[in-house]
Amino acid sequence: MLLTCENCETIFRVESAHLKTEGQKVRCSVCKHVWAPQLVNEADKDVPVIKDALGVLRLPVVICAAIVVLFSLISFNRGLITSYVPATIGLFDTSGLVIRPDLAKLEVRDLKANYAGDTLRISGLLANKSGFRTHGAPMRLTINDDDGVVLYTEIIHPADAFIEGNGTTDFFIQLTIEDTSQAEISVTPLAIRLDGSGS
């Protein structure tokens, strides 16, 4: 155990067995000062050091936790963020967070097809079922004959890259194809990676 003289601050190494009771007096061999040292258990001496270390670490840990939570929220809501601020798509893409349309919010409505001679016109609406703005999605147009054979397929795009909450955007395509009035026409939104070009 180490004892420090209160008067001259000389430090002495003393066997703890030599100090028997609280309040026992000791004399400094250098300046002859007499005092009653307070006996401190070594384990108790470490407690303030640990508390100080935890106090110093608390702020960085809280800051790191806040950054992780903030990053998680931004990552989880990146589709919403980029639909309102399209310029951020490139930032997310650069950081490895790909932006794709949220298909759970989208629905094809009012699909219509009609022939005029050898021209097939297909139109409809892509609807946003959520209350917030969202990305419009590219869609796969597929035309199957009555036996299920694919006659035609193409990726088409809605008129608008973004759809307001509970809003719609239209799509239209015109094809030259022989009249197959029994054909089955389907239009399916796709979760294709968005590049921020709006196309």
N, C-alpha and C. Protein backbone atom coordinates (compact mmCIF):
# COMPACT_ATOMS: atom_id res chain seq x y z
N MET A 1 0.85 -1.18 0.00
CA MET A 1 0.00 0.00 0.00
C MET A 1 0.89 1.23 0.00
N LEU A 2 0.45 2.31 -0.62
CA LEU A 2 1.22 3.54 -0.69
C LEU A 2 0.61 4.57 0.24
N LEU A 3 1.47 5.24 0.99
CA LEU A 3 1.04 6.35 1.86
C LEU A 3 1.77 7.60 1.42
N THR A 4 1.05 8.72 1.40
CA THR A 4 1.65 10.00 1.02
C THR A 4 1.60 10.92 2.21
N CYS A 5 2.73 11.49 2.57
CA CYS A 5 2.79 12.43 3.69
C CYS A 5 2.00 13.67 3.34
N GLU A 6 1.11 14.08 4.27
CA GLU A 6 0.28 15.26 4.04
C GLU A 6 1.11 16.55 4.00
N ASN A 7 2.28 16.51 4.62
CA ASN A 7 3.08 17.72 4.75
C ASN A 7 4.08 17.88 3.60
N CYS A 8 4.90 16.87 3.36
CA CYS A 8 5.94 17.01 2.34
C CYS A 8 5.65 16.23 1.07
N GLU A 9 4.55 15.47 1.08
CA GLU A 9 4.09 14.69 -0.08
C GLU A 9 5.06 13.59 -0.51
N THR A 10 5.89 13.16 0.43
CA THR A 10 6.75 12.01 0.16
C THR A 10 5.86 10.76 0.15
N ILE A 11 6.13 9.86 -0.79
CA ILE A 11 5.33 8.64 -0.91
C ILE A 11 6.13 7.47 -0.34
N PHE A 12 5.44 6.68 0.51
CA PHE A 12 6.06 5.52 1.15
C PHE A 12 5.27 4.26 0.80
N ARG A 13 5.99 3.16 0.57
CA ARG A 13 5.35 1.86 0.40
C ARG A 13 5.33 1.19 1.76
N VAL A 14 4.14 0.82 2.22
CA VAL A 14 3.96 0.24 3.56
C VAL A 14 3.15 -1.03 3.41
N GLU A 15 3.54 -2.07 4.14
CA GLU A 15 2.76 -3.30 4.16
C GLU A 15 1.46 -3.01 4.89
N SER A 16 0.35 -3.38 4.30
CA SER A 16 -0.95 -3.08 4.92
C SER A 16 -1.10 -3.80 6.26
N ALA A 17 -0.37 -4.88 6.45
CA ALA A 17 -0.44 -5.61 7.73
C ALA A 17 0.10 -4.76 8.87
N HIS A 18 0.99 -3.78 8.58
CA HIS A 18 1.55 -2.92 9.63
C HIS A 18 0.57 -1.86 10.10
N LEU A 19 -0.45 -1.59 9.30
CA LEU A 19 -1.46 -0.61 9.71
C LEU A 19 -2.67 -1.40 10.20
N LYS A 20 -2.95 -1.27 11.48
CA LYS A 20 -3.92 -2.17 12.08
C LYS A 20 -5.32 -1.58 12.15
N THR A 21 -5.48 -0.34 12.55
CA THR A 21 -6.82 0.21 12.76
C THR A 21 -6.96 1.54 12.06
N GLU A 22 -8.21 1.88 11.82
CA GLU A 22 -8.54 3.20 11.25
C GLU A 22 -8.16 4.23 12.32
N GLY A 23 -7.49 5.29 11.94
CA GLY A 23 -7.11 6.33 12.90
C GLY A 23 -5.74 6.13 13.50
N GLN A 24 -5.03 5.05 13.14
CA GLN A 24 -3.67 4.83 13.64
C GLN A 24 -2.78 5.94 13.09
N LYS A 25 -1.92 6.49 13.94
CA LYS A 25 -1.05 7.58 13.51
C LYS A 25 0.26 7.04 12.99
N VAL A 26 0.80 7.80 11.98
CA VAL A 26 2.10 7.45 11.41
C VAL A 26 2.95 8.71 11.39
N ARG A 27 4.28 8.50 11.35
CA ARG A 27 5.20 9.64 11.32
C ARG A 27 6.01 9.57 10.04
N CYS A 28 6.16 10.70 9.36
CA CYS A 28 6.97 10.79 8.14
C CYS A 28 8.43 10.75 8.54
N SER A 29 9.20 9.88 7.93
CA SER A 29 10.62 9.76 8.26
C SER A 29 11.44 10.89 7.63
N VAL A 30 10.83 11.67 6.75
CA VAL A 30 11.55 12.76 6.11
C VAL A 30 11.36 14.06 6.87
N CYS A 31 10.06 14.45 7.07
CA CYS A 31 9.81 15.76 7.70
C CYS A 31 9.30 15.63 9.14
N LYS A 32 9.13 14.41 9.60
CA LYS A 32 8.70 14.10 10.96
C LYS A 32 7.24 14.50 11.24
N HIS A 33 6.47 14.77 10.22
CA HIS A 33 5.05 15.11 10.38
C HIS A 33 4.29 13.86 10.83
N VAL A 34 3.33 14.05 11.74
CA VAL A 34 2.51 12.94 12.23
C VAL A 34 1.08 13.15 11.72
N TRP A 35 0.48 12.09 11.22
CA TRP A 35 -0.92 12.18 10.75
C TRP A 35 -1.57 10.81 10.81
N ALA A 36 -2.88 10.78 10.67
CA ALA A 36 -3.63 9.52 10.66
C ALA A 36 -4.11 9.28 9.23
N PRO A 37 -3.47 8.38 8.51
CA PRO A 37 -3.86 8.14 7.12
C PRO A 37 -5.22 7.43 7.03
N GLN A 38 -5.97 7.72 6.00
CA GLN A 38 -7.22 7.00 5.76
C GLN A 38 -6.88 5.78 4.93
N LEU A 39 -7.23 4.64 5.44
CA LEU A 39 -6.92 3.39 4.77
C LEU A 39 -7.95 3.15 3.65
N VAL A 40 -7.44 2.95 2.46
CA VAL A 40 -8.31 2.74 1.31
C VAL A 40 -8.05 1.35 0.76
N ASN A 41 -9.09 0.58 0.64
CA ASN A 41 -8.99 -0.74 0.05
C ASN A 41 -8.66 -0.57 -1.44
N GLU A 42 -7.74 -1.36 -1.96
CA GLU A 42 -7.32 -1.24 -3.37
C GLU A 42 -8.50 -1.43 -4.32
N ALA A 43 -9.42 -2.33 -3.98
CA ALA A 43 -10.58 -2.58 -4.84
C ALA A 43 -11.46 -1.33 -4.89
N ASP A 44 -11.61 -0.65 -3.72
CA ASP A 44 -12.42 0.57 -3.68
C ASP A 44 -11.77 1.68 -4.49
N LYS A 45 -10.44 1.68 -4.55
CA LYS A 45 -9.72 2.72 -5.28
C LYS A 45 -9.98 2.61 -6.78
N ASP A 46 -10.26 1.39 -7.28
CA ASP A 46 -10.50 1.20 -8.70
C ASP A 46 -11.89 1.67 -9.13
N VAL A 47 -12.84 1.72 -8.17
CA VAL A 47 -14.22 2.08 -8.52
C VAL A 47 -14.31 3.48 -9.14
N PRO A 48 -13.70 4.52 -8.54
CA PRO A 48 -13.78 5.84 -9.18
C PRO A 48 -13.14 5.85 -10.57
N VAL A 49 -12.07 5.08 -10.74
CA VAL A 49 -11.42 5.03 -12.06
C VAL A 49 -12.38 4.45 -13.09
N ILE A 50 -13.09 3.37 -12.70
CA ILE A 50 -14.05 2.75 -13.62
C ILE A 50 -15.20 3.71 -13.90
N LYS A 51 -15.69 4.38 -12.85
CA LYS A 51 -16.78 5.35 -13.05
C LYS A 51 -16.33 6.48 -13.96
N ASP A 52 -15.12 6.96 -13.77
CA ASP A 52 -14.61 8.03 -14.64
C ASP A 52 -14.52 7.56 -16.09
N ALA A 53 -14.04 6.32 -16.27
CA ALA A 53 -13.91 5.78 -17.63
C ALA A 53 -15.28 5.64 -18.28
N LEU A 54 -16.28 5.16 -17.52
CA LEU A 54 -17.63 5.03 -18.06
C LEU A 54 -18.22 6.40 -18.39
N GLY A 55 -17.93 7.38 -17.53
CA GLY A 55 -18.41 8.74 -17.79
C GLY A 55 -17.83 9.31 -19.07
N VAL A 56 -16.55 9.05 -19.30
CA VAL A 56 -15.88 9.54 -20.51
C VAL A 56 -16.45 8.84 -21.74
N LEU A 57 -16.74 7.54 -21.63
CA LEU A 57 -17.23 6.77 -22.77
C LEU A 57 -18.71 6.99 -23.06
N ARG A 58 -19.47 7.48 -22.09
CA ARG A 58 -20.92 7.58 -22.25
C ARG A 58 -21.30 8.45 -23.45
N LEU A 59 -20.73 9.61 -23.60
CA LEU A 59 -21.11 10.52 -24.69
C LEU A 59 -20.80 9.91 -26.06
N PRO A 60 -19.59 9.38 -26.30
CA PRO A 60 -19.34 8.75 -27.61
C PRO A 60 -20.28 7.58 -27.90
N VAL A 61 -20.61 6.79 -26.87
CA VAL A 61 -21.52 5.66 -27.08
C VAL A 61 -22.91 6.16 -27.45
N VAL A 62 -23.38 7.19 -26.77
CA VAL A 62 -24.70 7.77 -27.08
C VAL A 62 -24.70 8.35 -28.49
N ILE A 63 -23.62 9.03 -28.87
CA ILE A 63 -23.54 9.60 -30.22
C ILE A 63 -23.54 8.50 -31.27
N CYS A 64 -22.75 7.44 -31.03
CA CYS A 64 -22.72 6.31 -31.98
C CYS A 64 -24.09 5.65 -32.10
N ALA A 65 -24.76 5.45 -30.98
CA ALA A 65 -26.09 4.83 -31.01
C ALA A 65 -27.07 5.70 -31.77
N ALA A 66 -26.99 7.02 -31.55
CA ALA A 66 -27.89 7.95 -32.27
C ALA A 66 -27.62 7.91 -33.77
N ILE A 67 -26.35 7.82 -34.15
CA ILE A 67 -26.00 7.75 -35.58
C ILE A 67 -26.53 6.46 -36.19
N VAL A 68 -26.40 5.35 -35.48
CA VAL A 68 -26.90 4.06 -35.98
C VAL A 68 -28.42 4.12 -36.17
N VAL A 69 -29.13 4.67 -35.18
CA VAL A 69 -30.59 4.78 -35.27
C VAL A 69 -30.98 5.69 -36.43
N LEU A 70 -30.30 6.83 -36.55
CA LEU A 70 -30.61 7.76 -37.64
C LEU A 70 -30.34 7.13 -39.00
N PHE A 71 -29.20 6.45 -39.13
CA PHE A 71 -28.86 5.78 -40.40
C PHE A 71 -29.90 4.71 -40.74
N SER A 72 -30.35 3.96 -39.72
CA SER A 72 -31.36 2.93 -39.94
C SER A 72 -32.67 3.53 -40.42
N LEU A 73 -33.08 4.63 -39.79
CA LEU A 73 -34.33 5.30 -40.20
C LEU A 73 -34.23 5.82 -41.63
N ILE A 74 -33.09 6.43 -41.96
CA ILE A 74 -32.91 6.96 -43.31
C ILE A 74 -32.89 5.82 -44.32
N SER A 75 -32.18 4.74 -43.99
CA SER A 75 -32.09 3.60 -44.89
C SER A 75 -33.47 2.98 -45.12
N PHE A 76 -34.22 2.78 -44.04
CA PHE A 76 -35.53 2.15 -44.13
C PHE A 76 -36.51 3.01 -44.92
N ASN A 77 -36.39 4.32 -44.81
CA ASN A 77 -37.32 5.25 -45.47
C ASN A 77 -36.74 5.88 -46.73
N ARG A 78 -35.71 5.27 -47.31
CA ARG A 78 -35.05 5.91 -48.46
C ARG A 78 -35.96 6.07 -49.66
N GLY A 79 -36.91 5.16 -49.85
CA GLY A 79 -37.85 5.30 -50.97
C GLY A 79 -38.71 6.54 -50.81
N LEU A 80 -39.18 6.76 -49.60
CA LEU A 80 -39.98 7.96 -49.31
C LEU A 80 -39.14 9.22 -49.47
N ILE A 81 -37.93 9.20 -48.92
CA ILE A 81 -37.04 10.37 -48.99
C ILE A 81 -36.74 10.72 -50.45
N THR A 82 -36.38 9.71 -51.24
CA THR A 82 -35.98 9.98 -52.63
C THR A 82 -37.17 10.35 -53.51
N SER A 83 -38.39 9.95 -53.12
CA SER A 83 -39.55 10.37 -53.92
C SER A 83 -39.82 11.86 -53.74
N TYR A 84 -39.49 12.41 -52.57
CA TYR A 84 -39.68 13.84 -52.33
C TYR A 84 -38.44 14.64 -52.73
N VAL A 85 -37.26 14.02 -52.62
CA VAL A 85 -36.01 14.70 -52.98
C VAL A 85 -35.24 13.79 -53.94
N PRO A 86 -35.64 13.78 -55.24
CA PRO A 86 -35.04 12.84 -56.20
C PRO A 86 -33.52 12.96 -56.34
N ALA A 87 -32.98 14.13 -56.04
CA ALA A 87 -31.53 14.31 -56.17
C ALA A 87 -30.75 13.42 -55.21
N THR A 88 -31.40 12.89 -54.18
CA THR A 88 -30.70 12.03 -53.21
C THR A 88 -30.56 10.59 -53.70
N ILE A 89 -31.21 10.24 -54.81
CA ILE A 89 -31.11 8.86 -55.31
C ILE A 89 -29.64 8.50 -55.56
N GLY A 90 -28.89 9.40 -56.19
CA GLY A 90 -27.47 9.16 -56.47
C GLY A 90 -26.67 8.96 -55.20
N LEU A 91 -26.97 9.73 -54.14
CA LEU A 91 -26.26 9.59 -52.86
C LEU A 91 -26.50 8.21 -52.26
N PHE A 92 -27.76 7.80 -52.26
CA PHE A 92 -28.06 6.46 -51.73
C PHE A 92 -27.39 5.39 -52.57
N ASP A 93 -27.45 5.55 -53.88
CA ASP A 93 -26.87 4.56 -54.79
C ASP A 93 -25.36 4.44 -54.56
N THR A 94 -24.69 5.59 -54.40
CA THR A 94 -23.24 5.60 -54.15
C THR A 94 -22.89 4.89 -52.85
N SER A 95 -23.78 5.01 -51.86
CA SER A 95 -23.51 4.37 -50.56
C SER A 95 -23.97 2.91 -50.54
N GLY A 96 -24.41 2.39 -51.68
CA GLY A 96 -24.79 0.99 -51.77
C GLY A 96 -26.24 0.70 -51.41
N LEU A 97 -27.03 1.75 -51.20
CA LEU A 97 -28.45 1.57 -50.87
C LEU A 97 -29.27 1.81 -52.13
N VAL A 98 -29.66 0.73 -52.77
CA VAL A 98 -30.38 0.78 -54.04
C VAL A 98 -31.81 1.27 -53.81
N ILE A 99 -32.30 2.08 -54.74
CA ILE A 99 -33.67 2.57 -54.68
C ILE A 99 -34.50 1.80 -55.70
N ARG A 100 -35.58 1.21 -55.22
CA ARG A 100 -36.52 0.48 -56.09
C ARG A 100 -37.93 0.94 -55.76
N PRO A 101 -38.84 0.89 -56.73
CA PRO A 101 -40.23 1.22 -56.42
C PRO A 101 -40.79 0.25 -55.38
N ASP A 102 -41.65 0.76 -54.52
CA ASP A 102 -42.29 -0.08 -53.50
C ASP A 102 -43.57 -0.66 -54.11
N LEU A 103 -43.49 -1.91 -54.56
CA LEU A 103 -44.61 -2.53 -55.27
C LEU A 103 -45.84 -2.70 -54.38
N ALA A 104 -45.65 -2.75 -53.07
CA ALA A 104 -46.79 -2.90 -52.17
C ALA A 104 -47.70 -1.67 -52.23
N LYS A 105 -47.17 -0.54 -52.67
CA LYS A 105 -47.95 0.70 -52.74
C LYS A 105 -48.58 0.93 -54.11
N LEU A 106 -48.24 0.09 -55.09
CA LEU A 106 -48.66 0.34 -56.48
C LEU A 106 -49.67 -0.69 -56.97
N GLU A 107 -50.55 -0.23 -57.87
CA GLU A 107 -51.58 -1.10 -58.42
C GLU A 107 -51.94 -0.62 -59.82
N VAL A 108 -52.08 -1.55 -60.76
CA VAL A 108 -52.53 -1.22 -62.11
C VAL A 108 -54.05 -1.21 -62.11
N ARG A 109 -54.62 -0.13 -62.65
CA ARG A 109 -56.08 0.01 -62.71
C ARG A 109 -56.51 0.39 -64.12
N ASP A 110 -57.77 0.12 -64.40
CA ASP A 110 -58.43 0.55 -65.65
C ASP A 110 -57.65 0.14 -66.90
N LEU A 111 -57.17 -1.07 -66.94
CA LEU A 111 -56.43 -1.55 -68.11
C LEU A 111 -57.40 -1.73 -69.27
N LYS A 112 -57.09 -1.07 -70.38
CA LYS A 112 -57.96 -1.12 -71.56
C LYS A 112 -57.11 -1.47 -72.78
N ALA A 113 -57.70 -2.26 -73.68
CA ALA A 113 -57.03 -2.60 -74.94
C ALA A 113 -58.07 -2.57 -76.04
N ASN A 114 -57.72 -1.92 -77.17
CA ASN A 114 -58.63 -1.93 -78.32
C ASN A 114 -57.84 -1.89 -79.61
N TYR A 115 -58.44 -2.49 -80.61
CA TYR A 115 -57.82 -2.56 -81.93
C TYR A 115 -58.41 -1.51 -82.84
N ALA A 116 -57.56 -0.99 -83.70
CA ALA A 116 -57.99 -0.15 -84.83
C ALA A 116 -57.17 -0.66 -86.01
N GLY A 117 -57.76 -1.52 -86.80
CA GLY A 117 -57.03 -2.16 -87.89
C GLY A 117 -56.03 -3.14 -87.32
N ASP A 118 -54.75 -2.96 -87.67
CA ASP A 118 -53.71 -3.83 -87.11
C ASP A 118 -52.98 -3.17 -85.95
N THR A 119 -53.56 -2.10 -85.41
CA THR A 119 -52.93 -1.36 -84.30
C THR A 119 -53.65 -1.68 -82.99
N LEU A 120 -52.88 -2.10 -82.01
CA LEU A 120 -53.40 -2.37 -80.68
C LEU A 120 -52.99 -1.22 -79.77
N ARG A 121 -53.98 -0.62 -79.12
CA ARG A 121 -53.72 0.46 -78.17
C ARG A 121 -54.03 -0.05 -76.76
N ILE A 122 -53.04 0.09 -75.89
CA ILE A 122 -53.20 -0.36 -74.49
C ILE A 122 -52.99 0.84 -73.59
N SER A 123 -53.91 1.04 -72.67
CA SER A 123 -53.80 2.18 -71.74
C SER A 123 -54.28 1.74 -70.37
N GLY A 124 -53.93 2.52 -69.38
CA GLY A 124 -54.36 2.24 -68.02
C GLY A 124 -53.77 3.24 -67.05
N LEU A 125 -53.96 2.96 -65.79
CA LEU A 125 -53.46 3.83 -64.73
C LEU A 125 -52.57 3.03 -63.78
N LEU A 126 -51.51 3.66 -63.33
CA LEU A 126 -50.70 3.10 -62.25
C LEU A 126 -51.05 3.93 -61.02
N ALA A 127 -51.62 3.28 -60.00
CA ALA A 127 -52.13 3.99 -58.82
C ALA A 127 -51.22 3.81 -57.63
N ASN A 128 -51.11 4.87 -56.83
CA ASN A 128 -50.39 4.85 -55.56
C ASN A 128 -51.44 4.64 -54.47
N LYS A 129 -51.39 3.51 -53.79
CA LYS A 129 -52.38 3.18 -52.77
C LYS A 129 -52.05 3.81 -51.41
N SER A 130 -50.87 4.43 -51.28
CA SER A 130 -50.48 5.00 -49.99
C SER A 130 -50.81 6.49 -49.95
N GLY A 131 -50.73 7.05 -48.78
CA GLY A 131 -50.99 8.47 -48.61
C GLY A 131 -49.79 9.36 -48.86
N PHE A 132 -48.63 8.78 -49.18
CA PHE A 132 -47.43 9.55 -49.40
C PHE A 132 -46.96 9.39 -50.84
N ARG A 133 -46.21 10.36 -51.31
CA ARG A 133 -45.65 10.29 -52.65
C ARG A 133 -44.77 9.06 -52.79
N THR A 134 -44.75 8.46 -53.97
CA THR A 134 -43.93 7.28 -54.19
C THR A 134 -43.39 7.27 -55.62
N HIS A 135 -42.41 6.41 -55.84
CA HIS A 135 -41.84 6.26 -57.18
C HIS A 135 -42.81 5.49 -58.07
N GLY A 136 -42.97 5.96 -59.31
CA GLY A 136 -43.66 5.15 -60.31
C GLY A 136 -42.75 4.01 -60.72
N ALA A 137 -43.34 2.90 -61.14
CA ALA A 137 -42.52 1.73 -61.47
C ALA A 137 -42.59 1.43 -62.95
N PRO A 138 -41.48 0.99 -63.54
CA PRO A 138 -41.56 0.42 -64.88
C PRO A 138 -42.48 -0.80 -64.81
N MET A 139 -43.10 -1.14 -65.93
CA MET A 139 -44.05 -2.26 -65.94
C MET A 139 -43.75 -3.18 -67.11
N ARG A 140 -44.03 -4.45 -66.90
CA ARG A 140 -43.88 -5.42 -67.97
C ARG A 140 -45.24 -5.65 -68.62
N LEU A 141 -45.32 -5.33 -69.90
CA LEU A 141 -46.51 -5.63 -70.70
C LEU A 141 -46.30 -7.00 -71.34
N THR A 142 -47.27 -7.88 -71.15
CA THR A 142 -47.19 -9.21 -71.75
C THR A 142 -48.50 -9.51 -72.47
N ILE A 143 -48.39 -9.99 -73.70
CA ILE A 143 -49.57 -10.41 -74.46
C ILE A 143 -49.41 -11.90 -74.75
N ASN A 144 -50.36 -12.70 -74.26
CA ASN A 144 -50.38 -14.15 -74.48
C ASN A 144 -51.56 -14.51 -75.38
N ASP A 145 -51.38 -15.49 -76.25
CA ASP A 145 -52.52 -15.95 -77.03
C ASP A 145 -53.40 -16.84 -76.16
N ASP A 146 -54.50 -17.33 -76.72
CA ASP A 146 -55.45 -18.10 -75.91
C ASP A 146 -54.89 -19.44 -75.45
N ASP A 147 -53.74 -19.85 -76.00
CA ASP A 147 -53.07 -21.08 -75.53
C ASP A 147 -51.98 -20.78 -74.50
N GLY A 148 -51.80 -19.50 -74.14
CA GLY A 148 -50.79 -19.11 -73.15
C GLY A 148 -49.42 -18.85 -73.73
N VAL A 149 -49.29 -18.89 -75.07
CA VAL A 149 -48.01 -18.62 -75.71
C VAL A 149 -47.78 -17.10 -75.72
N VAL A 150 -46.58 -16.68 -75.33
CA VAL A 150 -46.25 -15.25 -75.30
C VAL A 150 -46.10 -14.75 -76.73
N LEU A 151 -46.96 -13.76 -77.08
CA LEU A 151 -46.88 -13.15 -78.40
C LEU A 151 -45.99 -11.91 -78.40
N TYR A 152 -45.99 -11.22 -77.25
CA TYR A 152 -45.26 -9.96 -77.20
C TYR A 152 -44.98 -9.62 -75.74
N THR A 153 -43.82 -9.06 -75.48
CA THR A 153 -43.50 -8.55 -74.15
C THR A 153 -42.59 -7.33 -74.29
N GLU A 154 -42.78 -6.38 -73.40
CA GLU A 154 -42.00 -5.15 -73.44
C GLU A 154 -42.08 -4.46 -72.08
N ILE A 155 -41.01 -3.72 -71.74
CA ILE A 155 -41.03 -2.89 -70.53
C ILE A 155 -41.57 -1.53 -70.93
N ILE A 156 -42.61 -1.08 -70.23
CA ILE A 156 -43.18 0.24 -70.50
C ILE A 156 -43.06 1.09 -69.24
N HIS A 157 -43.20 2.39 -69.40
CA HIS A 157 -43.05 3.32 -68.28
C HIS A 157 -44.30 4.17 -68.13
N PRO A 158 -44.65 4.50 -66.89
CA PRO A 158 -45.78 5.41 -66.70
C PRO A 158 -45.41 6.82 -67.15
N ALA A 159 -46.43 7.66 -67.30
CA ALA A 159 -46.19 9.04 -67.75
C ALA A 159 -45.35 9.83 -66.75
N ASP A 160 -45.52 9.54 -65.47
CA ASP A 160 -44.81 10.30 -64.43
C ASP A 160 -43.89 9.39 -63.63
N ALA A 161 -42.73 9.91 -63.28
CA ALA A 161 -41.76 9.15 -62.48
C ALA A 161 -42.18 9.04 -61.02
N PHE A 162 -43.04 9.98 -60.56
CA PHE A 162 -43.50 9.99 -59.17
C PHE A 162 -45.01 10.11 -59.16
N ILE A 163 -45.64 9.48 -58.17
CA ILE A 163 -47.09 9.51 -58.04
C ILE A 163 -47.42 10.05 -56.65
N GLU A 164 -48.23 11.10 -56.63
CA GLU A 164 -48.61 11.70 -55.34
C GLU A 164 -49.43 10.71 -54.52
N GLY A 165 -49.54 10.97 -53.21
CA GLY A 165 -50.30 10.09 -52.33
C GLY A 165 -51.72 9.89 -52.83
N ASN A 166 -52.16 8.66 -52.91
CA ASN A 166 -53.49 8.28 -53.40
C ASN A 166 -53.78 8.77 -54.82
N GLY A 167 -52.73 9.06 -55.55
CA GLY A 167 -52.89 9.56 -56.92
C GLY A 167 -52.64 8.48 -57.96
N THR A 168 -52.73 8.88 -59.22
CA THR A 168 -52.49 7.95 -60.33
C THR A 168 -51.67 8.65 -61.41
N THR A 169 -51.06 7.85 -62.24
CA THR A 169 -50.42 8.33 -63.46
C THR A 169 -50.81 7.35 -64.57
N ASP A 170 -50.93 7.86 -65.79
CA ASP A 170 -51.39 6.97 -66.85
C ASP A 170 -50.22 6.36 -67.61
N PHE A 171 -50.53 5.33 -68.38
CA PHE A 171 -49.56 4.74 -69.30
C PHE A 171 -50.30 4.38 -70.58
N PHE A 172 -49.55 4.37 -71.67
CA PHE A 172 -50.13 4.12 -72.99
C PHE A 172 -49.06 3.53 -73.89
N ILE A 173 -49.47 2.55 -74.68
CA ILE A 173 -48.56 2.00 -75.69
C ILE A 173 -49.40 1.60 -76.89
N GLN A 174 -48.81 1.79 -78.05
CA GLN A 174 -49.48 1.46 -79.31
C GLN A 174 -48.60 0.49 -80.08
N LEU A 175 -49.17 -0.66 -80.48
CA LEU A 175 -48.39 -1.71 -81.14
C LEU A 175 -49.04 -2.09 -82.46
N THR A 176 -48.21 -2.48 -83.39
CA THR A 176 -48.71 -3.08 -84.62
C THR A 176 -48.63 -4.59 -84.44
N ILE A 177 -49.79 -5.22 -84.34
CA ILE A 177 -49.86 -6.65 -84.07
C ILE A 177 -51.17 -7.17 -84.66
N GLU A 178 -51.17 -8.38 -85.16
CA GLU A 178 -52.40 -8.90 -85.77
C GLU A 178 -53.46 -9.08 -84.70
N ASP A 179 -54.70 -8.94 -85.12
CA ASP A 179 -55.83 -8.99 -84.19
C ASP A 179 -55.95 -10.37 -83.58
N THR A 180 -55.71 -10.42 -82.27
CA THR A 180 -55.92 -11.66 -81.52
C THR A 180 -56.88 -11.30 -80.39
N SER A 181 -58.14 -11.23 -80.71
CA SER A 181 -59.13 -10.74 -79.76
C SER A 181 -59.25 -11.62 -78.52
N GLN A 182 -58.75 -12.82 -78.61
CA GLN A 182 -58.78 -13.72 -77.45
C GLN A 182 -57.49 -13.60 -76.62
N ALA A 183 -56.61 -12.70 -77.00
CA ALA A 183 -55.33 -12.56 -76.29
C ALA A 183 -55.55 -12.09 -74.85
N GLU A 184 -54.67 -12.53 -74.00
CA GLU A 184 -54.68 -12.07 -72.60
C GLU A 184 -53.58 -11.03 -72.44
N ILE A 185 -53.95 -9.85 -71.95
CA ILE A 185 -52.99 -8.75 -71.79
C ILE A 185 -52.79 -8.51 -70.29
N SER A 186 -51.54 -8.47 -69.88
CA SER A 186 -51.25 -8.17 -68.48
C SER A 186 -50.17 -7.10 -68.39
N VAL A 187 -50.30 -6.27 -67.38
CA VAL A 187 -49.31 -5.22 -67.10
C VAL A 187 -48.94 -5.36 -65.63
N THR A 188 -47.65 -5.60 -65.37
CA THR A 188 -47.18 -5.88 -64.02
C THR A 188 -46.07 -4.91 -63.62
N PRO A 189 -46.24 -4.15 -62.51
CA PRO A 189 -45.15 -3.28 -62.02
C PRO A 189 -43.92 -4.10 -61.63
N LEU A 190 -42.74 -3.53 -61.88
CA LEU A 190 -41.49 -4.21 -61.61
C LEU A 190 -40.65 -3.41 -60.60
N ALA A 191 -39.95 -4.14 -59.74
CA ALA A 191 -39.06 -3.50 -58.74
C ALA A 191 -37.68 -3.35 -59.36
N ILE A 192 -37.59 -2.58 -60.44
CA ILE A 192 -36.32 -2.36 -61.13
C ILE A 192 -35.59 -1.19 -60.46
N ARG A 193 -34.31 -1.32 -60.30
CA ARG A 193 -33.46 -0.29 -59.71
C ARG A 193 -33.66 1.04 -60.40
N LEU A 194 -33.85 2.09 -59.62
CA LEU A 194 -34.03 3.44 -60.16
C LEU A 194 -32.71 4.18 -60.15
N ASP A 195 -32.46 4.96 -61.22
CA ASP A 195 -31.17 5.64 -61.32
C ASP A 195 -31.25 7.15 -61.12
N GLY A 196 -32.44 7.66 -60.86
CA GLY A 196 -32.58 9.10 -60.61
C GLY A 196 -32.75 9.92 -61.86
N SER A 197 -32.77 9.29 -63.03
CA SER A 197 -32.92 10.07 -64.28
C SER A 197 -34.38 10.40 -64.53
N GLY A 198 -35.29 9.73 -63.78
CA GLY A 198 -36.71 10.00 -63.97
C GLY A 198 -37.30 9.22 -65.12
N SER A 199 -36.50 8.35 -65.77
CA SER A 199 -37.04 7.56 -66.86
C SER A 199 -37.28 6.13 -66.42
